[in-house]
Protein backbone atom coordinates (compact mmCIF):
# COMPACT_ATOMS: atom_id res chain seq x y z
CA MET A 1 -53.15 -83.85 24.43
CA LYS A 2 -51.14 -81.06 26.05
CA THR A 3 -47.62 -81.81 27.14
CA ALA A 4 -45.64 -80.15 29.90
CA PRO A 5 -42.89 -77.79 28.74
CA PHE A 6 -40.00 -79.78 30.24
CA LYS A 7 -36.88 -80.74 28.32
CA THR A 8 -34.60 -83.75 28.61
CA ILE A 9 -31.74 -83.85 31.08
CA LYS A 10 -29.27 -83.17 28.26
CA ALA A 11 -31.15 -80.05 27.21
CA ALA A 12 -31.42 -79.04 30.86
CA MET A 13 -27.65 -79.13 31.27
CA VAL A 14 -27.23 -76.96 28.18
CA ALA A 15 -29.87 -74.50 29.36
CA CYS A 16 -28.23 -74.19 32.77
CA SER A 17 -24.78 -73.52 31.33
CA ILE A 18 -25.48 -71.13 28.47
CA ALA A 19 -26.58 -67.55 29.16
CA MET A 20 -29.69 -66.39 27.42
CA ALA A 21 -28.93 -64.29 24.33
CA LEU A 22 -30.18 -60.72 24.62
CA THR A 23 -30.77 -58.34 21.76
CA THR A 24 -29.02 -55.02 22.00
CA ALA A 25 -31.27 -52.18 23.09
CA PRO A 26 -30.05 -48.59 23.30
CA VAL A 27 -29.81 -46.90 26.63
CA GLY A 28 -32.42 -44.26 26.21
CA ALA A 29 -35.26 -42.34 27.73
CA GLN A 30 -37.71 -44.00 30.10
CA ASP A 31 -40.62 -43.33 27.76
CA LYS A 32 -39.41 -46.16 25.51
CA SER A 33 -39.96 -49.87 26.15
CA PRO A 34 -36.50 -51.42 25.80
CA PHE A 35 -37.46 -55.08 25.95
CA PRO A 36 -35.80 -57.39 26.50
CA ILE A 37 -33.89 -55.48 29.18
CA THR A 38 -30.12 -55.51 28.68
CA LYS A 39 -27.58 -55.18 31.45
CA GLU A 40 -26.48 -51.85 29.96
CA TYR A 41 -29.98 -50.43 30.16
CA TYR A 42 -30.54 -51.89 33.63
CA ASP A 43 -27.30 -50.52 35.05
CA ALA A 44 -27.90 -47.06 33.57
CA ASN A 45 -31.61 -46.69 34.40
CA LEU A 46 -32.99 -49.24 36.86
CA ASN A 47 -30.46 -49.80 39.62
CA SER A 48 -31.42 -47.11 42.11
CA PRO A 49 -34.34 -46.76 44.57
CA ASP A 50 -35.83 -43.80 42.69
CA SER A 51 -35.93 -45.59 39.32
CA THR A 52 -39.14 -46.32 37.44
CA TRP A 53 -39.51 -49.50 35.41
CA PRO A 54 -40.46 -48.79 31.78
CA LYS A 55 -43.96 -49.75 30.75
CA ASP A 56 -43.95 -53.33 29.51
CA PRO A 57 -46.66 -53.72 26.84
CA ALA A 58 -47.17 -57.33 27.92
CA VAL A 59 -48.45 -56.29 31.35
CA PRO A 60 -52.06 -55.06 31.68
CA ASP A 61 -53.09 -52.20 33.92
CA LEU A 62 -54.14 -53.59 37.31
CA PRO A 63 -55.08 -51.94 40.61
CA PRO A 64 -52.28 -51.54 43.18
CA LEU A 65 -51.54 -54.38 45.56
CA PRO A 66 -52.92 -54.23 49.12
CA ASP A 67 -50.76 -54.42 52.25
CA THR A 68 -48.26 -57.25 51.85
CA ASP A 69 -47.29 -57.69 55.51
CA ASP A 70 -47.33 -61.23 56.90
CA PRO A 71 -50.28 -62.05 59.15
CA PRO A 72 -49.29 -62.83 62.76
CA PRO A 73 -48.62 -66.54 63.26
CA PRO A 74 -51.58 -68.26 64.94
CA PRO A 75 -50.77 -69.44 68.48
CA ASP A 76 -52.02 -72.92 67.57
CA ASN A 77 -49.99 -73.26 64.36
CA PHE A 78 -48.80 -76.78 63.54
CA LEU A 79 -45.14 -76.42 64.45
CA ARG A 80 -45.84 -74.64 67.70
CA ALA A 81 -48.50 -77.16 68.72
CA HIS A 82 -46.09 -80.03 68.00
CA TYR A 83 -42.99 -78.40 69.47
CA TYR A 84 -41.05 -80.76 71.72
CA ASP A 85 -37.85 -79.81 73.49
CA GLY A 86 -37.24 -83.27 74.92
CA LEU A 87 -38.61 -82.32 78.33
CA HIS A 88 -41.99 -80.64 77.94
CA PRO A 89 -44.69 -82.60 76.09
CA PRO A 90 -46.13 -80.96 72.95
CA THR A 91 -49.63 -79.53 72.99
CA LYS A 92 -50.75 -81.97 70.30
CA GLY A 93 -49.74 -85.52 69.53
CA PRO A 94 -48.80 -87.17 66.22
CA VAL A 95 -50.96 -86.56 63.18
CA PRO A 96 -53.34 -89.53 62.69
CA ARG A 97 -53.02 -91.29 59.38
CA LEU A 98 -56.11 -91.46 57.17
CA THR A 99 -57.70 -94.89 56.83
CA ALA A 100 -60.38 -94.47 54.15
CA GLN A 101 -59.64 -96.23 50.87
CA VAL A 102 -58.02 -93.84 48.38
CA THR A 103 -59.51 -94.01 44.89
CA GLU A 104 -59.71 -91.85 41.78
CA GLU A 105 -63.13 -90.68 42.98
CA LYS A 106 -61.89 -90.13 46.57
CA PRO A 107 -58.28 -88.92 46.33
CA LEU A 108 -56.10 -87.58 49.09
CA LYS A 109 -55.94 -83.79 49.24
CA ALA A 110 -52.91 -81.59 49.87
CA ASP A 111 -51.95 -77.94 49.53
CA VAL A 112 -48.79 -76.42 48.08
CA ILE A 113 -47.92 -72.85 49.01
CA TRP A 114 -46.25 -71.34 45.94
CA SER A 115 -44.31 -68.26 44.92
CA MET A 116 -44.06 -67.16 41.30
CA ARG A 117 -40.62 -65.77 42.13
CA SER A 118 -39.27 -68.87 43.88
CA PRO A 119 -36.72 -70.89 41.89
CA TYR A 120 -37.03 -73.70 44.42
CA SER A 121 -40.77 -73.85 43.80
CA TYR A 122 -40.08 -74.21 40.09
CA ILE A 123 -37.48 -76.94 40.62
CA VAL A 124 -40.03 -79.17 42.40
CA LEU A 125 -42.72 -78.47 39.77
CA GLN A 126 -42.16 -81.51 37.56
CA ARG A 127 -42.39 -83.85 40.55
CA LEU A 128 -45.68 -82.28 41.65
CA VAL A 129 -47.14 -82.60 38.14
CA TRP A 130 -46.06 -86.24 37.88
CA LEU A 131 -47.48 -86.97 41.35
CA GLN A 132 -50.96 -85.66 40.58
CA SER A 133 -50.94 -87.04 37.05
CA ASN A 134 -50.12 -90.60 38.14
CA TYR A 135 -51.42 -90.93 41.70
CA ASN A 136 -54.74 -90.38 43.44
CA VAL A 137 -54.05 -87.05 45.09
CA GLU A 138 -55.48 -83.59 44.44
CA LEU A 139 -52.95 -80.80 44.83
CA THR A 140 -54.17 -77.25 45.32
CA ILE A 141 -51.43 -74.80 44.41
CA ARG A 142 -51.87 -71.71 46.58
CA PRO A 143 -49.93 -68.63 45.36
CA VAL A 144 -48.62 -66.14 47.91
CA MET A 145 -46.66 -62.93 47.55
CA PRO A 146 -42.92 -63.69 47.70
CA ILE A 147 -40.96 -63.04 50.87
CA ALA A 148 -38.89 -60.36 49.11
CA VAL A 149 -42.04 -58.23 48.94
CA ARG A 150 -43.67 -59.33 52.19
CA SER A 151 -40.54 -58.81 54.26
CA THR A 152 -40.17 -55.15 53.24
CA LYS A 153 -43.28 -54.26 55.29
CA GLY A 154 -44.97 -52.78 52.28
CA GLY A 155 -41.85 -52.04 50.25
CA SER A 156 -39.87 -49.81 52.60
CA GLY A 157 -36.43 -50.93 51.51
CA LYS A 158 -34.17 -53.94 51.67
CA GLY A 159 -35.76 -57.35 51.95
CA GLY A 160 -35.51 -58.91 55.37
CA GLY A 161 -36.12 -62.47 56.43
CA ALA A 162 -33.94 -64.89 54.49
CA PHE A 163 -32.57 -61.99 52.45
CA GLY A 164 -31.25 -60.40 55.61
CA VAL A 165 -28.58 -63.13 55.85
CA TRP A 166 -25.47 -61.87 54.11
CA TYR A 167 -24.75 -65.03 52.13
CA LYS A 168 -28.30 -66.10 51.24
CA LEU A 169 -28.72 -64.48 47.83
CA GLN A 170 -25.32 -65.54 46.53
CA ASP A 171 -25.88 -69.06 47.81
CA ALA A 172 -29.33 -69.24 46.17
CA MET A 173 -27.95 -68.07 42.82
CA TRP A 174 -25.39 -70.86 42.85
CA ASP A 175 -27.49 -73.56 44.49
CA THR A 176 -30.56 -73.23 42.27
CA THR A 177 -28.52 -73.87 39.13
CA ARG A 178 -26.92 -76.88 40.81
CA MET A 179 -30.26 -78.26 42.03
CA ALA A 180 -31.87 -77.79 38.63
CA GLN A 181 -29.03 -79.75 37.04
CA PHE A 182 -29.35 -82.44 39.71
CA ASN A 183 -33.09 -82.75 39.06
CA GLY A 184 -32.76 -82.61 35.29
CA VAL A 185 -34.82 -79.50 34.62
CA PRO A 186 -33.87 -76.48 32.48
CA PHE A 187 -33.14 -73.38 34.53
CA LYS A 188 -31.84 -69.83 34.39
CA TRP A 189 -32.40 -66.99 36.82
CA PRO A 190 -35.16 -65.12 34.97
CA THR A 191 -34.72 -61.88 33.09
CA PRO A 192 -36.63 -59.90 33.99
CA ASP A 193 -36.80 -61.05 37.59
CA PRO A 194 -40.48 -61.37 38.66
CA ILE A 195 -39.52 -59.15 41.62
CA TRP A 196 -37.75 -55.89 40.94
CA GLN A 197 -34.95 -56.20 43.45
CA ASN A 198 -31.48 -54.79 42.95
CA ILE A 199 -29.32 -57.89 42.93
CA TYR A 200 -26.27 -56.37 41.21
CA PRO A 201 -23.60 -55.20 41.84
CA GLN A 202 -22.94 -57.37 44.87
CA GLY A 203 -22.31 -55.30 47.95
CA GLY A 204 -23.28 -52.08 46.21
CA GLU A 205 -25.07 -49.24 47.95
CA ASN A 206 -28.49 -50.46 46.85
CA PHE A 207 -27.76 -54.19 46.85
CA GLU A 208 -30.92 -56.24 47.64
CA TYR A 209 -33.14 -53.15 47.66
CA VAL A 210 -36.76 -54.17 46.96
CA HIS A 211 -38.89 -51.63 45.15
CA PRO A 212 -42.31 -51.02 46.73
CA PRO A 213 -45.35 -53.01 45.52
CA GLU A 214 -46.81 -50.07 43.60
CA LYS A 215 -43.64 -49.95 41.46
CA GLN A 216 -43.30 -53.70 40.94
CA PRO A 217 -43.94 -54.42 37.24
CA TYR A 218 -44.59 -58.20 37.25
CA ILE A 219 -45.22 -59.98 40.54
CA GLY A 220 -48.76 -58.73 41.20
CA TRP A 221 -49.76 -59.64 37.65
CA VAL A 222 -48.53 -63.26 37.64
CA THR A 223 -49.60 -63.90 41.25
CA ARG A 224 -53.13 -62.64 40.61
CA LEU A 225 -53.35 -64.76 37.47
CA GLY A 226 -52.37 -67.72 39.65
CA CYS A 227 -55.13 -66.85 42.12
CA TYR A 228 -57.64 -66.70 39.28
CA ALA A 229 -56.46 -70.13 38.15
CA GLN A 230 -56.85 -71.40 41.71
CA LEU A 231 -60.39 -70.01 41.76
CA LYS A 232 -61.11 -71.99 38.60
CA GLY A 233 -59.49 -75.18 39.91
CA LYS A 234 -56.58 -74.88 37.47
CA SER A 235 -53.71 -73.76 39.70
CA LEU A 236 -51.43 -76.73 38.97
CA GLU A 237 -52.00 -76.27 35.24
CA TYR A 238 -51.16 -72.58 35.63
CA ILE A 239 -47.80 -73.03 37.33
CA ASN A 240 -46.99 -75.87 34.93
CA GLN A 241 -47.24 -73.37 32.09
CA VAL A 242 -46.13 -70.06 33.61
CA SER A 243 -43.55 -70.98 36.27
CA SER A 244 -41.77 -73.13 33.69
CA LEU A 245 -41.91 -70.16 31.30
CA ILE A 246 -40.33 -67.82 33.84
CA PHE A 247 -37.50 -70.08 35.05
CA GLY A 248 -37.11 -72.58 32.22
CA ASP A 249 -35.29 -70.18 29.86
CA HIS A 250 -37.59 -71.07 26.97
CA GLU A 251 -38.18 -67.51 25.72
CA GLU A 252 -36.09 -64.35 25.51
CA HIS A 253 -38.59 -62.06 27.26
CA TRP A 254 -40.95 -64.27 29.25
CA PRO A 255 -43.66 -61.62 30.02
CA ALA A 256 -44.48 -61.41 26.30
CA HIS A 257 -45.44 -65.11 26.34
CA VAL A 258 -47.61 -65.30 29.48
CA LYS A 259 -50.85 -64.80 27.55
CA GLU A 260 -50.08 -67.59 25.09
CA ARG A 261 -49.04 -69.98 27.88
CA PHE A 262 -52.14 -69.12 29.90
CA ASN A 263 -54.36 -69.85 26.92
CA ARG A 264 -52.86 -73.33 26.65
CA ILE A 265 -54.76 -74.25 29.82
CA GLU A 266 -58.00 -75.99 28.92
CA GLY A 267 -61.01 -74.03 30.11
CA LEU A 268 -59.16 -70.75 30.75
CA ASP A 269 -58.97 -67.58 28.65
CA TYR A 270 -56.40 -64.89 29.36
CA ASP A 271 -58.49 -61.89 28.36
CA GLU A 272 -61.41 -63.14 30.46
CA ALA A 273 -59.05 -63.66 33.39
CA ILE A 274 -57.61 -60.13 33.21
CA GLU A 275 -61.08 -58.59 32.91
CA TYR A 276 -62.23 -60.59 35.94
CA ILE A 277 -59.18 -59.54 37.98
CA GLN A 278 -59.72 -55.88 37.10
CA LYS A 279 -63.39 -56.02 38.12
CA ASN A 280 -63.00 -58.28 41.16
CA THR A 281 -59.60 -57.28 42.52
CA ASP A 282 -60.58 -57.58 46.19
CA GLU A 283 -61.83 -61.14 45.65
CA ILE A 284 -58.63 -62.16 43.85
CA ASP A 285 -56.36 -60.51 46.44
CA ALA A 286 -58.31 -62.22 49.22
CA ILE A 287 -57.18 -65.55 47.73
CA TRP A 288 -53.45 -64.97 48.13
CA LEU A 289 -53.99 -63.27 51.48
CA ASN A 290 -55.91 -66.34 52.67
CA ASN A 291 -53.21 -68.60 51.23
CA ASN A 292 -50.73 -66.69 53.38
CA LYS A 293 -52.88 -67.47 56.45
CA ILE A 294 -52.89 -71.17 55.54
CA GLN A 295 -49.12 -70.97 55.27
CA THR A 296 -48.74 -69.44 58.72
CA GLN A 297 -51.28 -71.88 60.22
CA ALA A 298 -48.86 -74.60 59.17
CA GLY A 299 -46.25 -72.75 61.21
CA HIS A 300 -44.14 -71.65 58.29
CA GLY A 301 -43.31 -68.80 55.92
CA GLY A 302 -41.29 -70.46 53.20
CA VAL A 303 -41.98 -71.89 49.75
CA PRO A 304 -42.51 -74.34 48.25
CA LEU A 305 -44.48 -75.54 51.26
CA MET A 306 -46.39 -78.79 50.85
CA ILE A 307 -49.08 -79.28 53.50
CA PHE A 308 -50.86 -82.55 54.24
CA GLN A 309 -53.08 -83.05 57.29
CA GLY A 310 -51.81 -79.66 58.49
CA GLU A 311 -48.20 -80.86 58.51
CA PRO A 312 -45.70 -78.67 56.60
CA PHE A 313 -42.99 -79.98 54.28
CA PHE A 314 -40.70 -77.13 53.30
CA GLY A 315 -38.63 -77.21 50.13
CA GLY A 316 -38.00 -79.63 47.32
CA ASP A 317 -35.75 -81.71 49.57
CA ARG A 318 -38.85 -82.53 51.63
CA PHE A 319 -40.75 -83.87 48.62
CA ASP A 320 -39.91 -87.50 49.42
CA PRO A 321 -41.08 -87.25 53.06
CA PHE A 322 -44.25 -85.55 51.79
CA VAL A 323 -44.94 -88.48 49.43
CA TYR A 324 -44.11 -90.87 52.30
CA ARG A 325 -46.85 -89.27 54.40
CA LEU A 326 -49.28 -89.63 51.50
CA TRP A 327 -48.28 -93.28 51.20
CA GLN A 328 -48.90 -93.79 54.94
CA SER A 329 -52.46 -92.60 54.36
CA GLY A 330 -53.04 -95.05 51.53
CA LEU A 331 -51.89 -93.24 48.39
CA THR A 332 -52.69 -95.34 45.33
CA LYS A 333 -51.65 -95.18 41.71
CA ARG A 334 -54.08 -94.13 39.01
CA SER A 335 -55.20 -96.59 36.34
CA LYS A 336 -53.90 -94.16 33.70
CA PRO A 337 -52.25 -90.71 33.84
CA ARG A 338 -54.35 -87.56 33.68
CA ALA A 339 -53.55 -84.04 32.54
CA PRO A 340 -51.41 -82.13 33.00
CA PHE A 341 -48.83 -84.60 31.74
CA THR A 342 -45.06 -84.68 32.03
CA THR A 343 -42.23 -87.16 31.71
CA LYS A 344 -41.17 -89.06 34.82
CA PRO A 345 -38.81 -86.90 36.90
CA LEU A 346 -35.16 -87.82 37.04
CA ARG A 347 -35.40 -87.85 40.85
CA TRP A 348 -38.36 -89.80 42.17
CA PRO A 349 -38.97 -91.58 45.52
CA ALA A 350 -37.63 -95.13 45.46
CA GLY A 351 -40.28 -97.80 45.14
CA MET A 352 -42.95 -95.43 43.82
C-alpha cells in the first residue's frame, strides 16, 4: 500500500517555520553544477536577464517548449454565457443537476486545471486526494503552463496578469505559508523555484523578470511529465507525488528526487516516460495546450481550477462549494478507500 507524503499538522507547522538547510556551494564558473543553489550563488550568477541556469544533472534533455500564449477566450465560455448584471438576462440558465445514481462503477467526473508552480494548487492537493479516495468521483488533473510563463507572451520579460499587480507576489509569499498552516500541510516556497523568475531583491531592476521558455530549467520537464501521467490516467497520482515533493520541503534539492517519486506511481516508469516525451513531444505538448483551452472554455485563467458540469471553481477556498455541487448531483461515499491514500484533511466540508 502506498501512502501519500503528507505530514501531521505539528510537522507542518515546523516545516512552515524553519528554513530549509542549504549546503554551502562556492560561487564559481557556470560550467559547474552548484546544487543545491545557494543564495550567494544565485545573487552572483542568476539574477539578471542575460544569465544562464547551470545544467542540472537531474533534468533530461527535452525539445524546447512551443508558444505559451493563452488561447483567445471562447465567446461562449461558461462565465460569459452565465453573466448577469441584474438587468440583462444571461445567455444560458442554471446548470442542471445530474440525476443518475452515482456508484463506484458510474462515478461523477470533474476536471482540475493544475500548475506545477502553483502553491495554491499544492495546498488543495490533500483534499482532492481524500475526495477521490473516499467518494465516487473521478478527478482528471489537467496540467497547464503557469501564468508566469504564459503571461510573458513567449518569455519577453516581466510576468503580467496577476504578477502585474504590485502587491501580488509579496502577498502570495505571505499568504501561502499562512494557508498551508491553516490547512495543516507542510510548505515552503520551493528552491529551486519551478519557474525561473527573479523574485529577489524586492523592487530591484529585474524584479519579477521571467526568463524565456527556452531558458527555463524545470517547468517544461515537470509539466510534460504531468501530461504523460494524464495520458496514462495517473495524473492525480503524479501530483500527489511530485507537487508534494516540490512544495512540501521534504528534500533539499527536489529535482534530484523527481525520478524516484515518479517511480512510486504504480504502472509508471520514469525512463519510459522521458523516452516517450522525447519521441512524441508534439503529442505531449498538445495535452497541456488542450488543457489550457478547457480552462478558458470555463471562462477562467487561474489555478487550481476545479470544473464540474462546465462550472469553474477557482482556488482552494472554492473547494467546499465544488464538493457541494458534487453533492447536489448525488455524490456518494465509497465502500472503502482506494489509492492514492492520504489522511483526512484538517479542513473538510462539514457533514461530509
